Amino acid sequence: MKDVYMSVSLGNREKRREEILQAASEVFFEAGYKGASIDAVIEKVGGSKRAIYSYFGSKKELFAAIVTELSNRALAALEPDELGGHDVQAVLTDFGQRVLEVVMSPTTLALYRAVVAEGTRFPELAEVFFNNGPGRASVRLTEVLEQFKHKGQIEVQDCQLAAEYFIGMLRSDRHLRTTMGLQEPPGEMERNQMVQQAVKIFLDGCKTHRNKA
């Protein structure tokens, strides 16, 4: 019975953590990093500062957790279970669709704007965002490209650089225009078209000699 109660307790704690992250995402979206406060999070989700700090030790840790959760959605496409039996085109397409869905979401765009606006005053903020978001995605994609290179499906000299280039192609100038408010975020159909084009260009440059023949 102890194990049953423990699993219920852990389940409730995880649910509460998700509620806090959702509320905090809204606060960062509305107020930016500097303007966000634990008190504002409590107003949305209830509880106390002591309770919030039992999950996240600081505003910085809370911000890092939000970015990590967002990147998890994109990186799910690169989990070992997802890779089994799929060729490089299918994996890159799935990954690309998830990446664009995340980076073009209102929450991620708001976090990105906050980092750009306040990163010089809060360098740790920029570091947290990059390491838990874009940097983490590049590292994992590099590992996956190394696997496909080893299998002979692609021909790449520098998989790390190739991973960074591919993610850059996915975002393209559209991400900058959207961040600046010059365009609305692309819908699902447009995102899929962007991904297909990026995958095609990328793989055309990574073809093995056998595939080029």
C-alpha atoms as a PDB file:
ATOM      1  CA  MET A   1       0.000   0.000   0.000  1.00  0.00           C
ATOM      2  CA  LYS A   2       2.889   2.341   0.678  1.00  0.00           C
ATOM      3  CA  ASP A   3       3.977   2.134  -2.976  1.00  0.00           C
ATOM      4  CA  VAL A   4       0.439   2.926  -4.143  1.00  0.00           C
ATOM      5  CA  TYR A   5       0.226   6.017  -1.974  1.00  0.00           C
ATOM      6  CA  MET A   6       3.699   7.072  -3.074  1.00  0.00           C
ATOM      7  CA  SER A   7       2.769   6.833  -6.775  1.00  0.00           C
ATOM      8  CA  VAL A   8      -0.382   8.864  -6.167  1.00  0.00           C
ATOM      9  CA  SER A   9       1.651  11.464  -4.297  1.00  0.00           C
ATOM     10  CA  LEU A  10       4.236  11.643  -7.074  1.00  0.00           C
ATOM     11  CA  GLY A  11       1.445  11.918  -9.646  1.00  0.00           C
ATOM     12  CA  ASN A  12      -0.118  14.833  -7.804  1.00  0.00           C
ATOM     13  CA  ARG A  13       3.256  16.519  -7.436  1.00  0.00           C
ATOM     14  CA  GLU A  14       3.944  16.208 -11.174  1.00  0.00           C
ATOM     15  CA  LYS A  15       0.502  17.590 -11.981  1.00  0.00           C
ATOM     16  CA  ARG A  16       1.120  20.526  -9.661  1.00  0.00           C
ATOM     17  CA  ARG A  17       4.494  21.131 -11.296  1.00  0.00           C
ATOM     18  CA  GLU A  18       2.838  21.294 -14.714  1.00  0.00           C
ATOM     19  CA  GLU A  19       0.258  23.756 -13.394  1.00  0.00           C
ATOM     20  CA  ILE A  20       3.020  26.007 -12.058  1.00  0.00           C
ATOM     21  CA  LEU A  21       4.911  25.847 -15.358  1.00  0.00           C
ATOM     22  CA  GLN A  22       1.785  26.759 -17.310  1.00  0.00           C
ATOM     23  CA  ALA A  23       1.065  29.713 -15.034  1.00  0.00           C
ATOM     24  CA  ALA A  24       4.690  30.842 -15.166  1.00  0.00           C
ATOM     25  CA  SER A  25       4.681  30.625 -18.973  1.00  0.00           C
ATOM     26  CA  GLU A  26       1.731  33.006 -19.035  1.00  0.00           C
ATOM     27  CA  VAL A  27       3.484  35.400 -16.654  1.00  0.00           C
ATOM     28  CA  PHE A  28       6.695  35.463 -18.707  1.00  0.00           C
ATOM     29  CA  PHE A  29       4.566  35.914 -21.833  1.00  0.00           C
ATOM     30  CA  GLU A  30       2.761  38.903 -20.321  1.00  0.00           C
ATOM     31  CA  ALA A  31       5.540  40.588 -18.332  1.00  0.00           C
ATOM     32  CA  GLY A  32       8.848  39.436 -19.797  1.00  0.00           C
ATOM     33  CA  TYR A  33      11.646  38.074 -17.642  1.00  0.00           C
ATOM     34  CA  LYS A  34      12.397  41.214 -15.644  1.00  0.00           C
ATOM     35  CA  GLY A  35       8.744  41.988 -14.969  1.00  0.00           C
ATOM     36  CA  ALA A  36       7.821  38.423 -14.040  1.00  0.00           C
ATOM     37  CA  SER A  37       7.576  37.544 -10.365  1.00  0.00           C
ATOM     38  CA  ILE A  38       6.757  34.552  -8.220  1.00  0.00           C
ATOM     39  CA  ASP A  39       3.887  36.571  -6.732  1.00  0.00           C
ATOM     40  CA  ALA A  40       2.357  36.902 -10.197  1.00  0.00           C
ATOM     41  CA  VAL A  41       2.637  33.154 -10.691  1.00  0.00           C
ATOM     42  CA  ILE A  42       0.920  32.565  -7.349  1.00  0.00           C
ATOM     43  CA  GLU A  43      -1.932  34.859  -8.380  1.00  0.00           C
ATOM     44  CA  LYS A  44      -2.609  32.553 -11.309  1.00  0.00           C
ATOM     45  CA  VAL A  45      -2.027  29.165  -9.771  1.00  0.00           C
ATOM     46  CA  GLY A  46      -2.499  29.715  -6.032  1.00  0.00           C
ATOM     47  CA  GLY A  47      -0.307  28.386  -3.248  1.00  0.00           C
ATOM     48  CA  SER A  48       2.608  30.097  -1.549  1.00  0.00           C
ATOM     49  CA  LYS A  49       6.157  31.166  -2.310  1.00  0.00           C
ATOM     50  CA  ARG A  50       7.425  28.355  -0.134  1.00  0.00           C
ATOM     51  CA  ALA A  51       5.457  25.845  -2.195  1.00  0.00           C
ATOM     52  CA  ILE A  52       6.700  27.283  -5.500  1.00  0.00           C
ATOM     53  CA  TYR A  53      10.296  27.267  -4.276  1.00  0.00           C
ATOM     54  CA  SER A  54       9.936  23.609  -3.288  1.00  0.00           C
ATOM     55  CA  TYR A  55       9.665  22.891  -7.023  1.00  0.00           C
ATOM     56  CA  PHE A  56      11.888  25.638  -8.419  1.00  0.00           C
ATOM     57  CA  GLY A  57      14.548  27.352  -6.350  1.00  0.00           C
ATOM     58  CA  SER A  58      14.452  30.668  -8.199  1.00  0.00           C
ATOM     59  CA  LYS A  59      12.907  32.578 -11.080  1.00  0.00           C
ATOM     60  CA  LYS A  60      15.898  31.545 -13.171  1.00  0.00           C
ATOM     61  CA  GLU A  61      15.252  27.856 -12.466  1.00  0.00           C
ATOM     62  CA  LEU A  62      11.588  28.333 -13.306  1.00  0.00           C
ATOM     63  CA  PHE A  63      12.505  29.946 -16.619  1.00  0.00           C
ATOM     64  CA  ALA A  64      14.943  27.117 -17.375  1.00  0.00           C
ATOM     65  CA  ALA A  65      12.267  24.511 -16.655  1.00  0.00           C
ATOM     66  CA  ILE A  66       9.853  26.165 -19.082  1.00  0.00           C
ATOM     67  CA  VAL A  67      12.453  26.235 -21.858  1.00  0.00           C
ATOM     68  CA  THR A  68      13.372  22.610 -21.151  1.00  0.00           C
ATOM     69  CA  GLU A  69       9.741  21.501 -21.356  1.00  0.00           C
ATOM     70  CA  LEU A  70       9.354  23.269 -24.697  1.00  0.00           C
ATOM     71  CA  SER A  71      12.511  21.704 -26.116  1.00  0.00           C
ATOM     72  CA  ASN A  72      11.371  18.273 -24.909  1.00  0.00           C
ATOM     73  CA  ARG A  73       8.480  18.465 -27.353  1.00  0.00           C
ATOM     74  CA  ALA A  74      10.822  18.886 -30.302  1.00  0.00           C
ATOM     75  CA  LEU A  75      13.421  16.401 -29.071  1.00  0.00           C
ATOM     76  CA  ALA A  76      10.801  13.666 -28.656  1.00  0.00           C
ATOM     77  CA  ALA A  77      11.245  13.022 -32.386  1.00  0.00           C
ATOM     78  CA  LEU A  78      14.882  12.094 -31.756  1.00  0.00           C
ATOM     79  CA  GLU A  79      14.306   9.601 -28.947  1.00  0.00           C
ATOM     80  CA  PRO A  80      15.778   6.138 -29.639  1.00  0.00           C
ATOM     81  CA  ASP A  81      12.319   4.541 -29.764  1.00  0.00           C
ATOM     82  CA  GLU A  82      11.266   7.033 -32.436  1.00  0.00           C
ATOM     83  CA  LEU A  83      14.354   6.411 -34.570  1.00  0.00           C
ATOM     84  CA  GLY A  84      13.998   2.673 -34.938  1.00  0.00           C
ATOM     85  CA  GLY A  85      13.306   1.617 -38.515  1.00  0.00           C
ATOM     86  CA  HIS A  86      13.032   5.165 -39.875  1.00  0.00           C
ATOM     87  CA  ASP A  87      15.259   6.633 -42.547  1.00  0.00           C
ATOM     88  CA  VAL A  88      16.964   9.988 -42.222  1.00  0.00           C
ATOM     89  CA  GLN A  89      14.334  11.833 -44.267  1.00  0.00           C
ATOM     90  CA  ALA A  90      11.482  10.646 -42.044  1.00  0.00           C
ATOM     91  CA  VAL A  91      13.379  11.499 -38.852  1.00  0.00           C
ATOM     92  CA  LEU A  92      14.365  14.981 -40.025  1.00  0.00           C
ATOM     93  CA  THR A  93      10.823  15.681 -41.213  1.00  0.00           C
ATOM     94  CA  ASP A  94       9.282  14.661 -37.887  1.00  0.00           C
ATOM     95  CA  PHE A  95      11.917  16.608 -35.960  1.00  0.00           C
ATOM     96  CA  GLY A  96      11.476  19.663 -38.190  1.00  0.00           C
ATOM     97  CA  GLN A  97       7.719  19.711 -37.760  1.00  0.00           C
ATOM     98  CA  ARG A  98       8.047  19.565 -33.992  1.00  0.00           C
ATOM     99  CA  VAL A  99      10.758  22.221 -33.932  1.00  0.00           C
ATOM    100  CA  LEU A 100       8.712  24.702 -35.950  1.00  0.00           C
ATOM    101  CA  GLU A 101       5.597  24.016 -33.911  1.00  0.00           C
ATOM    102  CA  VAL A 102       7.555  24.877 -30.765  1.00  0.00           C
ATOM    103  CA  VAL A 103       9.645  27.839 -31.950  1.00  0.00           C
ATOM    104  CA  MET A 104       6.691  29.508 -33.685  1.00  0.00           C
ATOM    105  CA  SER A 105       4.357  29.122 -30.705  1.00  0.00           C
ATOM    106  CA  PRO A 106       3.309  32.315 -28.877  1.00  0.00           C
ATOM    107  CA  THR A 107       4.978  31.155 -25.655  1.00  0.00           C
ATOM    108  CA  THR A 108       8.356  30.438 -27.250  1.00  0.00           C
ATOM    109  CA  LEU A 109       8.275  33.639 -29.272  1.00  0.00           C
ATOM    110  CA  ALA A 110       7.588  35.607 -26.088  1.00  0.00           C
ATOM    111  CA  LEU A 111      10.461  33.908 -24.274  1.00  0.00           C
ATOM    112  CA  TYR A 112      12.766  34.558 -27.222  1.00  0.00           C
ATOM    113  CA  ARG A 113      11.804  38.242 -27.280  1.00  0.00           C
ATOM    114  CA  ALA A 114      12.476  38.464 -23.544  1.00  0.00           C
ATOM    115  CA  VAL A 115      15.937  36.949 -23.994  1.00  0.00           C
ATOM    116  CA  VAL A 116      16.797  39.310 -26.856  1.00  0.00           C
ATOM    117  CA  ALA A 117      15.512  42.349 -24.959  1.00  0.00           C
ATOM    118  CA  GLU A 118      17.056  41.527 -21.582  1.00  0.00           C
ATOM    119  CA  GLY A 119      19.947  39.184 -22.378  1.00  0.00           C
ATOM    120  CA  THR A 120      22.629  41.884 -22.093  1.00  0.00           C
ATOM    121  CA  ARG A 121      21.425  42.833 -18.602  1.00  0.00           C
ATOM    122  CA  PHE A 122      20.805  39.219 -17.596  1.00  0.00           C
ATOM    123  CA  PRO A 123      23.483  37.175 -19.418  1.00  0.00           C
ATOM    124  CA  GLU A 124      22.558  34.134 -17.361  1.00  0.00           C
ATOM    125  CA  LEU A 125      19.086  34.349 -18.907  1.00  0.00           C
ATOM    126  CA  ALA A 126      20.495  34.045 -22.423  1.00  0.00           C
ATOM    127  CA  GLU A 127      22.727  31.180 -21.331  1.00  0.00           C
ATOM    128  CA  VAL A 128      19.825  29.303 -19.754  1.00  0.00           C
ATOM    129  CA  PHE A 129      17.648  29.789 -22.832  1.00  0.00           C
ATOM    130  CA  PHE A 130      20.325  28.661 -25.273  1.00  0.00           C
ATOM    131  CA  ASN A 131      21.622  25.692 -23.279  1.00  0.00           C
ATOM    132  CA  ASN A 132      18.165  24.310 -22.521  1.00  0.00           C
ATOM    133  CA  GLY A 133      16.638  25.112 -25.912  1.00  0.00           C
ATOM    134  CA  PRO A 134      18.506  25.616 -29.211  1.00  0.00           C
ATOM    135  CA  GLY A 135      21.837  24.329 -27.919  1.00  0.00           C
ATOM    136  CA  ARG A 136      20.279  21.180 -26.518  1.00  0.00           C
ATOM    137  CA  ALA A 137      18.473  20.520 -29.804  1.00  0.00           C
ATOM    138  CA  SER A 138      21.707  20.916 -31.784  1.00  0.00           C
ATOM    139  CA  VAL A 139      23.578  18.501 -29.533  1.00  0.00           C
ATOM    140  CA  ARG A 140      20.923  15.798 -29.853  1.00  0.00           C
ATOM    141  CA  LEU A 141      20.538  16.254 -33.613  1.00  0.00           C
ATOM    142  CA  THR A 142      24.327  16.012 -33.961  1.00  0.00           C
ATOM    143  CA  GLU A 143      24.233  12.617 -32.253  1.00  0.00           C
ATOM    144  CA  VAL A 144      21.459  11.425 -34.566  1.00  0.00           C
ATOM    145  CA  LEU A 145      23.270  12.614 -37.690  1.00  0.00           C
ATOM    146  CA  GLU A 146      26.372  10.752 -36.511  1.00  0.00           C
ATOM    147  CA  GLN A 147      24.274   7.578 -36.396  1.00  0.00           C
ATOM    148  CA  PHE A 148      22.957   8.052 -39.918  1.00  0.00           C
ATOM    149  CA  LYS A 149      26.463   8.890 -41.127  1.00  0.00           C
ATOM    150  CA  HIS A 150      27.733   5.651 -39.600  1.00  0.00           C
ATOM    151  CA  LYS A 151      24.954   3.760 -41.431  1.00  0.00           C
ATOM    152  CA  GLY A 152      26.013   5.344 -44.712  1.00  0.00           C
ATOM    153  CA  GLN A 153      22.732   7.218 -45.236  1.00  0.00           C
ATOM    154  CA  ILE A 154      24.379  10.648 -45.323  1.00  0.00           C
ATOM    155  CA  GLU A 155      27.836  11.992 -46.095  1.00  0.00           C
ATOM    156  CA  VAL A 156      28.816  14.824 -43.735  1.00  0.00           C
ATOM    157  CA  GLN A 157      32.218  15.993 -42.541  1.00  0.00           C
ATOM    158  CA  ASP A 158      31.028  17.930 -39.487  1.00  0.00           C
ATOM    159  CA  CYS A 159      27.755  16.656 -38.024  1.00  0.00           C
ATOM    160  CA  GLN A 160      27.617  19.396 -35.393  1.00  0.00           C
ATOM    161  CA  LEU A 161      27.828  22.123 -38.013  1.00  0.00           C
ATOM    162  CA  ALA A 162      25.325  20.266 -40.188  1.00  0.00           C
ATOM    163  CA  ALA A 163      22.869  20.082 -37.274  1.00  0.00           C
ATOM    164  CA  GLU A 164      23.172  23.819 -36.651  1.00  0.00           C
ATOM    165  CA  TYR A 165      22.661  24.544 -40.360  1.00  0.00           C
ATOM    166  CA  PHE A 166      19.567  22.352 -40.541  1.00  0.00           C
ATOM    167  CA  ILE A 167      17.925  24.004 -37.537  1.00  0.00           C
ATOM    168  CA  GLY A 168      18.821  27.392 -39.006  1.00  0.00           C
ATOM    169  CA  MET A 169      17.164  26.441 -42.295  1.00  0.00           C
ATOM    170  CA  LEU A 170      14.030  25.411 -40.445  1.00  0.00           C
ATOM    171  CA  ARG A 171      13.703  28.797 -38.752  1.00  0.00           C
ATOM    172  CA  SER A 172      14.789  30.755 -41.832  1.00  0.00           C
ATOM    173  CA  ASP A 173      14.053  34.493 -41.991  1.00  0.00           C
ATOM    174  CA  ARG A 174      10.442  33.692 -41.175  1.00  0.00           C
ATOM    175  CA  HIS A 175      11.297  33.251 -37.515  1.00  0.00           C
ATOM    176  CA  LEU A 176      12.938  36.688 -37.376  1.00  0.00           C
ATOM    177  CA  ARG A 177      10.035  38.356 -39.166  1.00  0.00           C
ATOM    178  CA  THR A 178       7.567  36.662 -36.842  1.00  0.00           C
ATOM    179  CA  THR A 179       9.587  37.609 -33.761  1.00  0.00           C
ATOM    180  CA  MET A 180       9.624  41.241 -34.903  1.00  0.00           C
ATOM    181  CA  GLY A 181       5.868  41.197 -35.479  1.00  0.00           C
ATOM    182  CA  LEU A 182       6.182  41.676 -39.242  1.00  0.00           C
ATOM    183  CA  GLN A 183       4.301  38.443 -39.952  1.00  0.00           C
ATOM    184  CA  GLU A 184       1.936  36.134 -38.116  1.00  0.00           C
ATOM    185  CA  PRO A 185       3.285  32.722 -37.094  1.00  0.00           C
ATOM    186  CA  PRO A 186       2.895  30.177 -39.905  1.00  0.00           C
ATOM    187  CA  GLY A 187       0.028  27.715 -39.701  1.00  0.00           C
ATOM    188  CA  GLU A 188       0.431  23.958 -39.825  1.00  0.00           C
ATOM    189  CA  MET A 189       0.259  23.702 -43.618  1.00  0.00           C
ATOM    190  CA  GLU A 190       2.875  26.402 -44.122  1.00  0.00           C
ATOM    191  CA  ARG A 191       5.120  24.902 -41.442  1.00  0.00           C
ATOM    192  CA  ASN A 192       4.973  21.546 -43.203  1.00  0.00           C
ATOM    193  CA  GLN A 193       5.987  23.184 -46.483  1.00  0.00           C
ATOM    194  CA  MET A 194       8.894  24.927 -44.754  1.00  0.00           C
ATOM    195  CA  VAL A 195      10.037  21.618 -43.272  1.00  0.00           C
ATOM    196  CA  GLN A 196       9.798  19.726 -46.561  1.00  0.00           C
ATOM    197  CA  GLN A 197      11.885  22.365 -48.321  1.00  0.00           C
ATOM    198  CA  ALA A 198      14.525  22.441 -45.566  1.00  0.00           C
ATOM    199  CA  VAL A 199      14.798  18.639 -45.501  1.00  0.00           C
ATOM    200  CA  LYS A 200      15.149  18.469 -49.292  1.00  0.00           C
ATOM    201  CA  ILE A 201      17.863  21.127 -49.438  1.00  0.00           C
ATOM    202  CA  PHE A 202      19.710  19.578 -46.495  1.00  0.00           C
ATOM    203  CA  LEU A 203      19.645  16.027 -47.842  1.00  0.00           C
ATOM    204  CA  ASP A 204      20.600  17.161 -51.340  1.00  0.00           C
ATOM    205  CA  GLY A 205      23.802  18.475 -49.787  1.00  0.00           C
ATOM    206  CA  CYS A 206      24.372  15.344 -47.676  1.00  0.00           C
ATOM    207  CA  LYS A 207      23.879  12.679 -50.331  1.00  0.00           C
ATOM    208  CA  THR A 208      26.396   9.871 -50.368  1.00  0.00           C
ATOM    209  CA  HIS A 209      28.346   9.190 -53.561  1.00  0.00           C
ATOM    210  CA  ARG A 210      26.130   6.156 -54.082  1.00  0.00           C
ATOM    211  CA  ASN A 211      22.963   8.267 -53.903  1.00  0.00           C
ATOM    212  CA  LYS A 212      24.432  10.963 -56.150  1.00  0.00           C
ATOM    213  CA  ALA A 213      25.087   8.478 -58.923  1.00  0.00           C
END
